[in-house]
Amino acid sequence: MNYLAHAYLSFNNTEILLGNMSSDFIKGKKKFDYPIGIQQGIALHRNIDTFTDSHPSTAEAKKHFKAAVGTYSGAFVDVVYDHFLATDTNEFPKEHSLQKFAIETYQQLQNNIQWLPERLQRILPYMQSQNWLFNYSTLWGIEKSFEGVTRRAVYLDDFSTAFKAFEENYDELKTCYTSFFPDVKNYVMHQFQLL
């Protein structure tokens, strides 16, 4: 799961959101530098990633990218899941639901920017000005996200084959998301009960 899903699966809990969005930028014992609520968000992010990676629908979705990007297929599936979440009318039922959610998320992050890791603090203005969370709903936004994944990858230099795989297998990938997302949502709701 990528930024949108991790934000959404924080269920409007600010400290969980901060940890959930920061987790990839916080290594090892550094997590203990944060308040307990943010630590719980960091742990939740990692649990979501583990659940996602071990889900059979994710394994199926990765197959569509294997030929194009090899071991990076999981990173592209994460972006794809965010696209289908952004366009999921069960989760964002009204026309402006996604945009409203994106604005509220940026505001929560800005209001608590002192708790964000330095790298995320640097990324946040771009995330907000380019409206990454909303733009997962557009093919253009997915193309830009794929480009970003490729830029950060060690062994990739072209995202066009991955984007072609996304377009050619769109319906199959949507089916993978549809069978996966209710499971991860239920899993996270259960995790919240344990906090």
N, C-alpha and C. Protein backbone atom coordinates (compact mmCIF):
# COMPACT_ATOMS: atom_id res chain seq x y z
N MET A 1 0.85 -1.17 0.00
CA MET A 1 0.00 0.00 0.00
C MET A 1 0.90 1.23 0.00
N ASN A 2 0.39 2.30 -0.63
CA ASN A 2 1.18 3.51 -0.73
C ASN A 2 0.58 4.61 0.14
N TYR A 3 0.94 5.87 -0.10
CA TYR A 3 0.55 6.97 0.80
C TYR A 3 -0.95 7.06 1.04
N LEU A 4 -1.76 6.94 -0.01
CA LEU A 4 -3.20 7.10 0.17
C LEU A 4 -3.76 6.04 1.10
N ALA A 5 -3.42 4.80 0.85
CA ALA A 5 -3.97 3.71 1.67
C ALA A 5 -3.52 3.82 3.12
N HIS A 6 -2.25 4.16 3.34
CA HIS A 6 -1.77 4.29 4.71
C HIS A 6 -2.46 5.44 5.43
N ALA A 7 -2.72 6.52 4.71
CA ALA A 7 -3.47 7.64 5.31
C ALA A 7 -4.90 7.21 5.62
N TYR A 8 -5.54 6.57 4.66
CA TYR A 8 -6.94 6.17 4.81
C TYR A 8 -7.12 5.16 5.95
N LEU A 9 -6.17 4.23 6.05
CA LEU A 9 -6.25 3.19 7.06
C LEU A 9 -5.77 3.66 8.44
N SER A 10 -5.56 4.96 8.57
CA SER A 10 -5.31 5.56 9.89
C SER A 10 -6.63 5.96 10.55
N PHE A 11 -7.72 5.87 9.80
CA PHE A 11 -9.08 6.10 10.31
C PHE A 11 -9.20 7.39 11.12
N ASN A 12 -8.58 8.45 10.58
CA ASN A 12 -8.74 9.80 11.14
C ASN A 12 -8.19 9.95 12.56
N ASN A 13 -7.26 9.09 12.92
CA ASN A 13 -6.55 9.21 14.20
C ASN A 13 -5.22 9.90 13.91
N THR A 14 -5.04 11.12 14.41
CA THR A 14 -3.90 11.95 14.02
C THR A 14 -2.56 11.28 14.33
N GLU A 15 -2.39 10.76 15.54
CA GLU A 15 -1.10 10.16 15.88
C GLU A 15 -0.82 8.91 15.04
N ILE A 16 -1.84 8.11 14.82
CA ILE A 16 -1.68 6.93 13.96
C ILE A 16 -1.30 7.38 12.55
N LEU A 17 -1.95 8.43 12.06
CA LEU A 17 -1.63 8.96 10.72
C LEU A 17 -0.17 9.38 10.64
N LEU A 18 0.29 10.12 11.64
CA LEU A 18 1.68 10.60 11.63
C LEU A 18 2.65 9.44 11.57
N GLY A 19 2.42 8.41 12.37
CA GLY A 19 3.29 7.25 12.36
C GLY A 19 3.17 6.44 11.08
N ASN A 20 1.94 6.28 10.62
CA ASN A 20 1.67 5.50 9.42
C ASN A 20 2.34 6.13 8.20
N MET A 21 2.30 7.45 8.11
CA MET A 21 2.90 8.15 6.97
C MET A 21 4.42 8.26 7.10
N SER A 22 4.93 8.17 8.33
CA SER A 22 6.37 8.38 8.57
C SER A 22 7.18 7.09 8.56
N SER A 23 6.53 5.96 8.69
CA SER A 23 7.21 4.70 8.99
C SER A 23 8.38 4.39 8.06
N ASP A 24 8.22 4.61 6.76
CA ASP A 24 9.28 4.28 5.81
C ASP A 24 10.53 5.13 6.00
N PHE A 25 10.41 6.23 6.72
CA PHE A 25 11.54 7.14 6.92
C PHE A 25 12.18 6.96 8.30
N ILE A 26 11.69 6.01 9.08
CA ILE A 26 12.16 5.82 10.46
C ILE A 26 12.72 4.41 10.59
N LYS A 27 13.99 4.34 10.91
CA LYS A 27 14.67 3.04 10.97
C LYS A 27 14.96 2.62 12.42
N GLY A 28 14.84 1.33 12.66
CA GLY A 28 15.26 0.74 13.91
C GLY A 28 14.71 1.40 15.16
N LYS A 29 15.61 1.67 16.11
CA LYS A 29 15.21 2.20 17.41
C LYS A 29 14.79 3.66 17.37
N LYS A 30 14.95 4.30 16.24
CA LYS A 30 14.52 5.70 16.10
C LYS A 30 13.03 5.86 16.41
N LYS A 31 12.26 4.79 16.23
CA LYS A 31 10.82 4.89 16.49
C LYS A 31 10.53 5.24 17.95
N PHE A 32 11.47 4.91 18.84
CA PHE A 32 11.26 5.19 20.26
C PHE A 32 11.47 6.67 20.61
N ASP A 33 11.87 7.47 19.60
CA ASP A 33 12.00 8.92 19.80
C ASP A 33 10.64 9.61 19.75
N TYR A 34 9.60 8.86 19.40
CA TYR A 34 8.28 9.44 19.17
C TYR A 34 7.31 9.06 20.28
N PRO A 35 6.24 9.87 20.46
CA PRO A 35 5.20 9.52 21.44
C PRO A 35 4.57 8.16 21.11
N ILE A 36 3.98 7.53 22.10
CA ILE A 36 3.46 6.17 21.97
C ILE A 36 2.44 6.05 20.84
N GLY A 37 1.57 7.06 20.66
CA GLY A 37 0.57 7.00 19.59
C GLY A 37 1.20 6.95 18.21
N ILE A 38 2.28 7.72 18.03
CA ILE A 38 2.99 7.71 16.74
C ILE A 38 3.72 6.39 16.56
N GLN A 39 4.30 5.87 17.66
CA GLN A 39 4.93 4.55 17.59
C GLN A 39 3.93 3.48 17.15
N GLN A 40 2.69 3.59 17.63
CA GLN A 40 1.65 2.64 17.22
C GLN A 40 1.35 2.77 15.73
N GLY A 41 1.37 4.00 15.23
CA GLY A 41 1.16 4.22 13.79
C GLY A 41 2.29 3.64 12.96
N ILE A 42 3.52 3.76 13.45
CA ILE A 42 4.68 3.17 12.77
C ILE A 42 4.53 1.65 12.71
N ALA A 43 4.16 1.06 13.85
CA ALA A 43 3.96 -0.40 13.90
C ALA A 43 2.82 -0.83 13.00
N LEU A 44 1.74 -0.04 12.98
CA LEU A 44 0.60 -0.38 12.13
C LEU A 44 1.00 -0.38 10.66
N HIS A 45 1.76 0.62 10.26
CA HIS A 45 2.23 0.69 8.87
C HIS A 45 2.97 -0.60 8.50
N ARG A 46 3.84 -1.02 9.37
CA ARG A 46 4.64 -2.23 9.09
C ARG A 46 3.78 -3.48 9.06
N ASN A 47 2.78 -3.53 9.94
CA ASN A 47 1.84 -4.66 9.93
C ASN A 47 1.01 -4.68 8.65
N ILE A 48 0.59 -3.48 8.20
CA ILE A 48 -0.17 -3.39 6.93
C ILE A 48 0.68 -3.90 5.78
N ASP A 49 1.95 -3.49 5.75
CA ASP A 49 2.84 -3.93 4.67
C ASP A 49 3.01 -5.45 4.68
N THR A 50 3.18 -6.02 5.85
CA THR A 50 3.34 -7.47 5.96
C THR A 50 2.07 -8.19 5.51
N PHE A 51 0.92 -7.69 5.96
CA PHE A 51 -0.36 -8.28 5.57
C PHE A 51 -0.54 -8.21 4.05
N THR A 52 -0.23 -7.04 3.49
CA THR A 52 -0.38 -6.82 2.04
C THR A 52 0.50 -7.78 1.26
N ASP A 53 1.78 -7.86 1.66
CA ASP A 53 2.74 -8.69 0.92
C ASP A 53 2.39 -10.17 0.98
N SER A 54 1.71 -10.59 2.05
CA SER A 54 1.41 -12.03 2.19
C SER A 54 0.02 -12.40 1.67
N HIS A 55 -0.74 -11.41 1.18
CA HIS A 55 -2.10 -11.70 0.71
C HIS A 55 -2.06 -12.34 -0.68
N PRO A 56 -2.87 -13.39 -0.91
CA PRO A 56 -2.86 -14.06 -2.22
C PRO A 56 -3.20 -13.15 -3.39
N SER A 57 -4.05 -12.15 -3.17
CA SER A 57 -4.40 -11.22 -4.26
C SER A 57 -3.20 -10.37 -4.67
N THR A 58 -2.34 -10.05 -3.72
CA THR A 58 -1.13 -9.30 -4.03
C THR A 58 -0.18 -10.16 -4.86
N ALA A 59 -0.06 -11.41 -4.49
CA ALA A 59 0.78 -12.33 -5.26
C ALA A 59 0.28 -12.42 -6.70
N GLU A 60 -1.03 -12.46 -6.85
CA GLU A 60 -1.63 -12.51 -8.20
C GLU A 60 -1.35 -11.22 -8.96
N ALA A 61 -1.51 -10.08 -8.29
CA ALA A 61 -1.30 -8.78 -8.93
C ALA A 61 0.16 -8.61 -9.37
N LYS A 62 1.09 -9.10 -8.55
CA LYS A 62 2.52 -8.97 -8.87
C LYS A 62 2.87 -9.68 -10.18
N LYS A 63 2.16 -10.77 -10.48
CA LYS A 63 2.45 -11.53 -11.70
C LYS A 63 2.35 -10.66 -12.94
N HIS A 64 1.46 -9.68 -12.91
CA HIS A 64 1.26 -8.83 -14.09
C HIS A 64 2.42 -7.86 -14.32
N PHE A 65 3.26 -7.68 -13.32
CA PHE A 65 4.40 -6.76 -13.44
C PHE A 65 5.74 -7.47 -13.48
N LYS A 66 5.75 -8.76 -13.20
CA LYS A 66 7.01 -9.51 -13.04
C LYS A 66 7.90 -9.37 -14.27
N ALA A 67 7.34 -9.56 -15.46
CA ALA A 67 8.15 -9.51 -16.67
C ALA A 67 8.73 -8.11 -16.91
N ALA A 68 7.97 -7.09 -16.52
CA ALA A 68 8.39 -5.71 -16.78
C ALA A 68 9.41 -5.20 -15.76
N VAL A 69 9.21 -5.55 -14.46
CA VAL A 69 10.03 -4.91 -13.43
C VAL A 69 10.63 -5.89 -12.42
N GLY A 70 10.42 -7.19 -12.61
CA GLY A 70 11.04 -8.19 -11.76
C GLY A 70 10.71 -8.03 -10.29
N THR A 71 11.75 -7.94 -9.45
CA THR A 71 11.56 -7.91 -8.00
C THR A 71 10.89 -6.63 -7.51
N TYR A 72 10.76 -5.64 -8.36
CA TYR A 72 10.10 -4.39 -7.96
C TYR A 72 8.59 -4.44 -8.16
N SER A 73 8.07 -5.60 -8.56
CA SER A 73 6.63 -5.68 -8.86
C SER A 73 5.78 -5.26 -7.67
N GLY A 74 6.20 -5.58 -6.45
CA GLY A 74 5.43 -5.21 -5.26
C GLY A 74 5.28 -3.71 -5.10
N ALA A 75 6.33 -2.96 -5.42
CA ALA A 75 6.27 -1.49 -5.30
C ALA A 75 5.25 -0.91 -6.28
N PHE A 76 5.17 -1.49 -7.46
CA PHE A 76 4.19 -1.01 -8.45
C PHE A 76 2.77 -1.42 -8.06
N VAL A 77 2.62 -2.60 -7.49
CA VAL A 77 1.30 -3.03 -7.02
C VAL A 77 0.81 -2.10 -5.92
N ASP A 78 1.71 -1.66 -5.04
CA ASP A 78 1.32 -0.71 -3.99
C ASP A 78 0.68 0.55 -4.58
N VAL A 79 1.27 1.06 -5.64
CA VAL A 79 0.73 2.26 -6.32
C VAL A 79 -0.62 1.94 -6.95
N VAL A 80 -0.69 0.78 -7.58
CA VAL A 80 -1.94 0.36 -8.24
C VAL A 80 -3.07 0.23 -7.23
N TYR A 81 -2.78 -0.34 -6.06
CA TYR A 81 -3.81 -0.44 -5.03
C TYR A 81 -4.31 0.94 -4.61
N ASP A 82 -3.41 1.92 -4.54
CA ASP A 82 -3.84 3.28 -4.21
C ASP A 82 -4.74 3.86 -5.29
N HIS A 83 -4.46 3.52 -6.55
CA HIS A 83 -5.33 3.99 -7.64
C HIS A 83 -6.74 3.45 -7.47
N PHE A 84 -6.85 2.16 -7.23
CA PHE A 84 -8.18 1.58 -7.12
C PHE A 84 -8.90 2.01 -5.85
N LEU A 85 -8.14 2.28 -4.79
CA LEU A 85 -8.76 2.85 -3.60
C LEU A 85 -9.29 4.25 -3.91
N ALA A 86 -8.51 5.05 -4.60
CA ALA A 86 -8.91 6.42 -4.94
C ALA A 86 -10.17 6.46 -5.80
N THR A 87 -10.39 5.42 -6.58
CA THR A 87 -11.56 5.38 -7.47
C THR A 87 -12.67 4.48 -6.92
N ASP A 88 -12.51 4.02 -5.69
CA ASP A 88 -13.47 3.09 -5.07
C ASP A 88 -14.64 3.88 -4.46
N THR A 89 -15.80 3.76 -5.06
CA THR A 89 -16.96 4.52 -4.59
C THR A 89 -17.54 3.95 -3.29
N ASN A 90 -17.11 2.77 -2.89
CA ASN A 90 -17.50 2.27 -1.57
C ASN A 90 -16.77 3.03 -0.46
N GLU A 91 -15.54 3.44 -0.74
CA GLU A 91 -14.72 4.13 0.26
C GLU A 91 -14.83 5.65 0.13
N PHE A 92 -14.95 6.14 -1.09
CA PHE A 92 -15.11 7.57 -1.35
C PHE A 92 -16.38 7.77 -2.18
N PRO A 93 -17.55 7.73 -1.52
CA PRO A 93 -18.82 7.63 -2.26
C PRO A 93 -19.27 8.90 -2.97
N LYS A 94 -18.88 10.07 -2.48
CA LYS A 94 -19.37 11.30 -3.08
C LYS A 94 -18.32 11.89 -4.01
N GLU A 95 -18.76 12.77 -4.89
CA GLU A 95 -17.89 13.33 -5.93
C GLU A 95 -16.62 13.95 -5.34
N HIS A 96 -16.76 14.66 -4.24
CA HIS A 96 -15.62 15.39 -3.68
C HIS A 96 -15.03 14.70 -2.44
N SER A 97 -15.42 13.47 -2.16
CA SER A 97 -14.95 12.77 -0.96
C SER A 97 -13.44 12.62 -0.92
N LEU A 98 -12.85 12.21 -2.04
CA LEU A 98 -11.40 11.99 -2.08
C LEU A 98 -10.65 13.30 -1.91
N GLN A 99 -11.11 14.34 -2.60
CA GLN A 99 -10.44 15.64 -2.50
C GLN A 99 -10.51 16.17 -1.06
N LYS A 100 -11.66 16.02 -0.43
CA LYS A 100 -11.84 16.47 0.96
C LYS A 100 -10.89 15.68 1.87
N PHE A 101 -10.82 14.37 1.66
CA PHE A 101 -9.93 13.55 2.47
C PHE A 101 -8.48 13.98 2.29
N ALA A 102 -8.08 14.23 1.05
CA ALA A 102 -6.70 14.64 0.77
C ALA A 102 -6.36 15.94 1.48
N ILE A 103 -7.25 16.93 1.38
CA ILE A 103 -7.00 18.23 2.02
C ILE A 103 -6.89 18.09 3.53
N GLU A 104 -7.79 17.31 4.12
CA GLU A 104 -7.76 17.10 5.57
C GLU A 104 -6.48 16.38 6.02
N THR A 105 -6.02 15.45 5.21
CA THR A 105 -4.79 14.72 5.54
C THR A 105 -3.59 15.65 5.49
N TYR A 106 -3.47 16.46 4.42
CA TYR A 106 -2.36 17.41 4.35
C TYR A 106 -2.39 18.36 5.55
N GLN A 107 -3.58 18.78 5.94
CA GLN A 107 -3.71 19.72 7.05
C GLN A 107 -3.24 19.08 8.36
N GLN A 108 -3.64 17.84 8.59
CA GLN A 108 -3.19 17.13 9.80
C GLN A 108 -1.67 17.01 9.83
N LEU A 109 -1.08 16.69 8.69
CA LEU A 109 0.37 16.55 8.62
C LEU A 109 1.06 17.89 8.85
N GLN A 110 0.53 18.95 8.21
CA GLN A 110 1.12 20.28 8.38
C GLN A 110 1.01 20.75 9.84
N ASN A 111 -0.13 20.49 10.46
CA ASN A 111 -0.34 20.94 11.83
C ASN A 111 0.58 20.25 12.83
N ASN A 112 1.13 19.12 12.42
CA ASN A 112 2.01 18.34 13.31
C ASN A 112 3.37 18.09 12.67
N ILE A 113 3.80 19.02 11.84
CA ILE A 113 5.00 18.81 11.03
C ILE A 113 6.25 18.57 11.87
N GLN A 114 6.23 19.07 13.11
CA GLN A 114 7.40 18.89 13.99
C GLN A 114 7.63 17.42 14.32
N TRP A 115 6.60 16.58 14.18
CA TRP A 115 6.72 15.15 14.47
C TRP A 115 7.09 14.32 13.25
N LEU A 116 7.16 14.95 12.07
CA LEU A 116 7.48 14.20 10.86
C LEU A 116 8.99 14.11 10.69
N PRO A 117 9.50 12.97 10.22
CA PRO A 117 10.94 12.86 9.92
C PRO A 117 11.34 13.92 8.89
N GLU A 118 12.59 14.30 8.92
CA GLU A 118 13.07 15.40 8.07
C GLU A 118 12.78 15.16 6.60
N ARG A 119 12.99 13.94 6.13
CA ARG A 119 12.74 13.65 4.70
C ARG A 119 11.27 13.84 4.34
N LEU A 120 10.37 13.42 5.22
CA LEU A 120 8.94 13.59 4.95
C LEU A 120 8.57 15.07 5.03
N GLN A 121 9.20 15.81 5.92
CA GLN A 121 8.97 17.25 5.97
C GLN A 121 9.33 17.91 4.64
N ARG A 122 10.40 17.42 4.02
CA ARG A 122 10.82 17.98 2.72
C ARG A 122 9.88 17.56 1.60
N ILE A 123 9.32 16.35 1.69
CA ILE A 123 8.44 15.84 0.65
C ILE A 123 7.05 16.46 0.73
N LEU A 124 6.58 16.75 1.95
CA LEU A 124 5.20 17.18 2.16
C LEU A 124 4.76 18.35 1.27
N PRO A 125 5.57 19.41 1.11
CA PRO A 125 5.11 20.52 0.24
C PRO A 125 4.82 20.07 -1.19
N TYR A 126 5.63 19.13 -1.70
CA TYR A 126 5.40 18.61 -3.06
C TYR A 126 4.16 17.72 -3.09
N MET A 127 4.02 16.89 -2.06
CA MET A 127 2.84 16.03 -1.96
C MET A 127 1.57 16.88 -2.00
N GLN A 128 1.60 17.99 -1.26
CA GLN A 128 0.43 18.85 -1.16
C GLN A 128 0.21 19.67 -2.43
N SER A 129 1.26 20.33 -2.93
CA SER A 129 1.09 21.21 -4.09
C SER A 129 0.73 20.43 -5.34
N GLN A 130 1.24 19.19 -5.44
CA GLN A 130 0.93 18.34 -6.60
C GLN A 130 -0.24 17.40 -6.31
N ASN A 131 -0.78 17.49 -5.09
CA ASN A 131 -1.96 16.73 -4.66
C ASN A 131 -1.84 15.24 -4.98
N TRP A 132 -0.78 14.64 -4.45
CA TRP A 132 -0.52 13.24 -4.73
C TRP A 132 -1.69 12.35 -4.35
N LEU A 133 -2.28 12.60 -3.18
CA LEU A 133 -3.34 11.70 -2.69
C LEU A 133 -4.52 11.69 -3.64
N PHE A 134 -4.92 12.85 -4.13
CA PHE A 134 -6.03 12.91 -5.09
C PHE A 134 -5.63 12.33 -6.43
N ASN A 135 -4.41 12.62 -6.86
CA ASN A 135 -4.00 12.24 -8.21
C ASN A 135 -3.76 10.76 -8.41
N TYR A 136 -3.81 9.99 -7.31
CA TYR A 136 -3.83 8.53 -7.50
C TYR A 136 -5.08 8.11 -8.27
N SER A 137 -6.09 8.93 -8.30
CA SER A 137 -7.33 8.59 -9.01
C SER A 137 -7.19 8.76 -10.53
N THR A 138 -6.14 9.41 -10.99
CA THR A 138 -5.97 9.70 -12.42
C THR A 138 -4.87 8.81 -13.02
N LEU A 139 -4.99 8.51 -14.29
CA LEU A 139 -3.94 7.75 -14.97
C LEU A 139 -2.65 8.55 -15.01
N TRP A 140 -2.78 9.87 -15.17
CA TRP A 140 -1.61 10.74 -15.16
C TRP A 140 -0.89 10.63 -13.82
N GLY A 141 -1.64 10.63 -12.74
CA GLY A 141 -1.05 10.52 -11.41
C GLY A 141 -0.33 9.19 -11.20
N ILE A 142 -0.90 8.13 -11.72
CA ILE A 142 -0.27 6.81 -11.61
C ILE A 142 1.02 6.77 -12.43
N GLU A 143 0.97 7.37 -13.60
CA GLU A 143 2.17 7.44 -14.44
C GLU A 143 3.30 8.17 -13.70
N LYS A 144 2.97 9.28 -13.05
CA LYS A 144 3.96 10.04 -12.28
C LYS A 144 4.48 9.20 -11.10
N SER A 145 3.59 8.47 -10.45
CA SER A 145 3.99 7.62 -9.33
C SER A 145 4.92 6.50 -9.81
N PHE A 146 4.59 5.90 -10.94
CA PHE A 146 5.45 4.86 -11.52
C PHE A 146 6.83 5.44 -11.84
N GLU A 147 6.84 6.65 -12.35
CA GLU A 147 8.11 7.31 -12.66
C GLU A 147 8.94 7.49 -11.38
N GLY A 148 8.24 7.86 -10.28
CA GLY A 148 8.92 8.02 -8.99
C GLY A 148 9.50 6.71 -8.48
N VAL A 149 8.74 5.62 -8.59
CA VAL A 149 9.22 4.31 -8.17
C VAL A 149 10.47 3.94 -8.96
N THR A 150 10.43 4.17 -10.26
CA THR A 150 11.56 3.85 -11.14
C THR A 150 12.79 4.67 -10.77
N ARG A 151 12.59 5.95 -10.46
CA ARG A 151 13.70 6.84 -10.11
C ARG A 151 14.41 6.35 -8.84
N ARG A 152 13.64 5.81 -7.89
CA ARG A 152 14.23 5.35 -6.62
C ARG A 152 14.79 3.93 -6.73
N ALA A 153 14.43 3.20 -7.78
CA ALA A 153 14.87 1.81 -7.94
C ALA A 153 16.33 1.75 -8.41
N VAL A 154 17.01 0.73 -7.96
CA VAL A 154 18.43 0.59 -8.30
C VAL A 154 18.60 0.03 -9.72
N TYR A 155 17.72 -0.91 -10.10
CA TYR A 155 17.92 -1.64 -11.35
C TYR A 155 16.94 -1.26 -12.46
N LEU A 156 16.18 -0.21 -12.29
CA LEU A 156 15.21 0.19 -13.31
C LEU A 156 15.55 1.56 -13.86
N ASP A 157 15.33 1.75 -15.16
CA ASP A 157 15.55 3.08 -15.73
C ASP A 157 14.40 3.52 -16.64
N ASP A 158 13.34 2.70 -16.72
CA ASP A 158 12.21 3.05 -17.58
C ASP A 158 10.92 2.51 -16.96
N PHE A 159 9.94 3.41 -16.81
CA PHE A 159 8.68 2.99 -16.18
C PHE A 159 7.61 2.65 -17.22
N SER A 160 7.90 2.86 -18.50
CA SER A 160 6.86 2.71 -19.53
C SER A 160 6.37 1.28 -19.66
N THR A 161 7.25 0.30 -19.45
CA THR A 161 6.80 -1.10 -19.57
C THR A 161 5.88 -1.45 -18.40
N ALA A 162 6.16 -0.90 -17.22
CA ALA A 162 5.29 -1.14 -16.06
C ALA A 162 3.94 -0.47 -16.28
N PHE A 163 3.95 0.74 -16.83
CA PHE A 163 2.68 1.44 -17.06
C PHE A 163 1.86 0.73 -18.13
N LYS A 164 2.53 0.19 -19.13
CA LYS A 164 1.84 -0.58 -20.17
C LYS A 164 1.21 -1.83 -19.56
N ALA A 165 1.93 -2.48 -18.65
CA ALA A 165 1.38 -3.67 -17.96
C ALA A 165 0.16 -3.29 -17.14
N PHE A 166 0.21 -2.13 -16.51
CA PHE A 166 -0.93 -1.62 -15.73
C PHE A 166 -2.14 -1.42 -16.63
N GLU A 167 -1.95 -0.76 -17.76
CA GLU A 167 -3.06 -0.49 -18.67
C GLU A 167 -3.62 -1.77 -19.27
N GLU A 168 -2.74 -2.68 -19.67
CA GLU A 168 -3.18 -3.91 -20.34
C GLU A 168 -3.88 -4.88 -19.40
N ASN A 169 -3.56 -4.79 -18.12
CA ASN A 169 -4.13 -5.73 -17.13
C ASN A 169 -5.02 -5.01 -16.12
N TYR A 170 -5.57 -3.89 -16.53
CA TYR A 170 -6.32 -3.01 -15.63
C TYR A 170 -7.45 -3.77 -14.92
N ASP A 171 -8.26 -4.47 -15.67
CA ASP A 171 -9.42 -5.16 -15.07
C ASP A 171 -8.98 -6.27 -14.11
N GLU A 172 -7.95 -7.01 -14.49
CA GLU A 172 -7.46 -8.08 -13.63
C GLU A 172 -6.88 -7.51 -12.33
N LEU A 173 -6.17 -6.40 -12.45
CA LEU A 173 -5.59 -5.76 -11.26
C LEU A 173 -6.69 -5.19 -10.36
N LYS A 174 -7.74 -4.67 -10.98
CA LYS A 174 -8.87 -4.18 -10.19
C LYS A 174 -9.52 -5.32 -9.42
N THR A 175 -9.63 -6.48 -10.02
CA THR A 175 -10.19 -7.65 -9.35
C THR A 175 -9.32 -8.04 -8.14
N CYS A 176 -8.00 -7.96 -8.31
CA CYS A 176 -7.09 -8.25 -7.18
C CYS A 176 -7.35 -7.26 -6.05
N TYR A 177 -7.46 -5.97 -6.38
CA TYR A 177 -7.74 -4.96 -5.35
C TYR A 177 -9.07 -5.24 -4.65
N THR A 178 -10.09 -5.56 -5.44
CA THR A 178 -11.44 -5.76 -4.90
C THR A 178 -11.48 -6.92 -3.91
N SER A 179 -10.69 -7.95 -4.16
CA SER A 179 -10.68 -9.08 -3.23
C SER A 179 -9.75 -8.81 -2.04
N PHE A 180 -8.79 -7.90 -2.22
CA PHE A 180 -7.82 -7.62 -1.17
C PHE A 180 -8.29 -6.56 -0.17
N PHE A 181 -8.85 -5.45 -0.65
CA PHE A 181 -9.02 -4.29 0.23
C PHE A 181 -9.96 -4.54 1.41
N PRO A 182 -11.09 -5.21 1.24
CA PRO A 182 -11.92 -5.48 2.43
C PRO A 182 -11.17 -6.26 3.50
N ASP A 183 -10.27 -7.15 3.08
CA ASP A 183 -9.50 -7.94 4.04
C ASP A 183 -8.53 -7.06 4.83
N VAL A 184 -7.81 -6.19 4.14
CA VAL A 184 -6.85 -5.34 4.85
C VAL A 184 -7.58 -4.32 5.73
N LYS A 185 -8.73 -3.84 5.28
CA LYS A 185 -9.50 -2.90 6.08
C LYS A 185 -9.98 -3.57 7.37
N ASN A 186 -10.49 -4.79 7.25
CA ASN A 186 -10.93 -5.53 8.45
C ASN A 186 -9.76 -5.82 9.37
N TYR A 187 -8.63 -6.16 8.79
CA TYR A 187 -7.42 -6.43 9.58
C TYR A 187 -7.02 -5.19 10.39
N VAL A 188 -7.02 -4.02 9.74
CA VAL A 188 -6.61 -2.79 10.43
C VAL A 188 -7.64 -2.41 11.50
N MET A 189 -8.91 -2.59 11.22
CA MET A 189 -9.94 -2.31 12.23
C MET A 189 -9.71 -3.17 13.48
N HIS A 190 -9.33 -4.42 13.25
CA HIS A 190 -9.03 -5.31 14.38
C HIS A 190 -7.79 -4.81 15.13
N GLN A 191 -6.78 -4.35 14.39
CA GLN A 191 -5.56 -3.83 15.02
C GLN A 191 -5.89 -2.61 15.89
N PHE A 192 -6.81 -1.78 15.44
CA PHE A 192 -7.22 -0.61 16.21
C PHE A 192 -7.85 -1.01 17.55
N GLN A 193 -8.56 -2.11 17.55
CA GLN A 193 -9.18 -2.58 18.80
C GLN A 193 -8.15 -3.03 19.82
N LEU A 194 -6.95 -3.35 19.34
CA LEU A 194 -5.87 -3.82 20.22
C LEU A 194 -5.01 -2.68 20.76
N LEU A 195 -5.20 -1.47 20.22
CA LEU A 195 -4.38 -0.32 20.65
C LEU A 195 -4.70 0.08 22.08
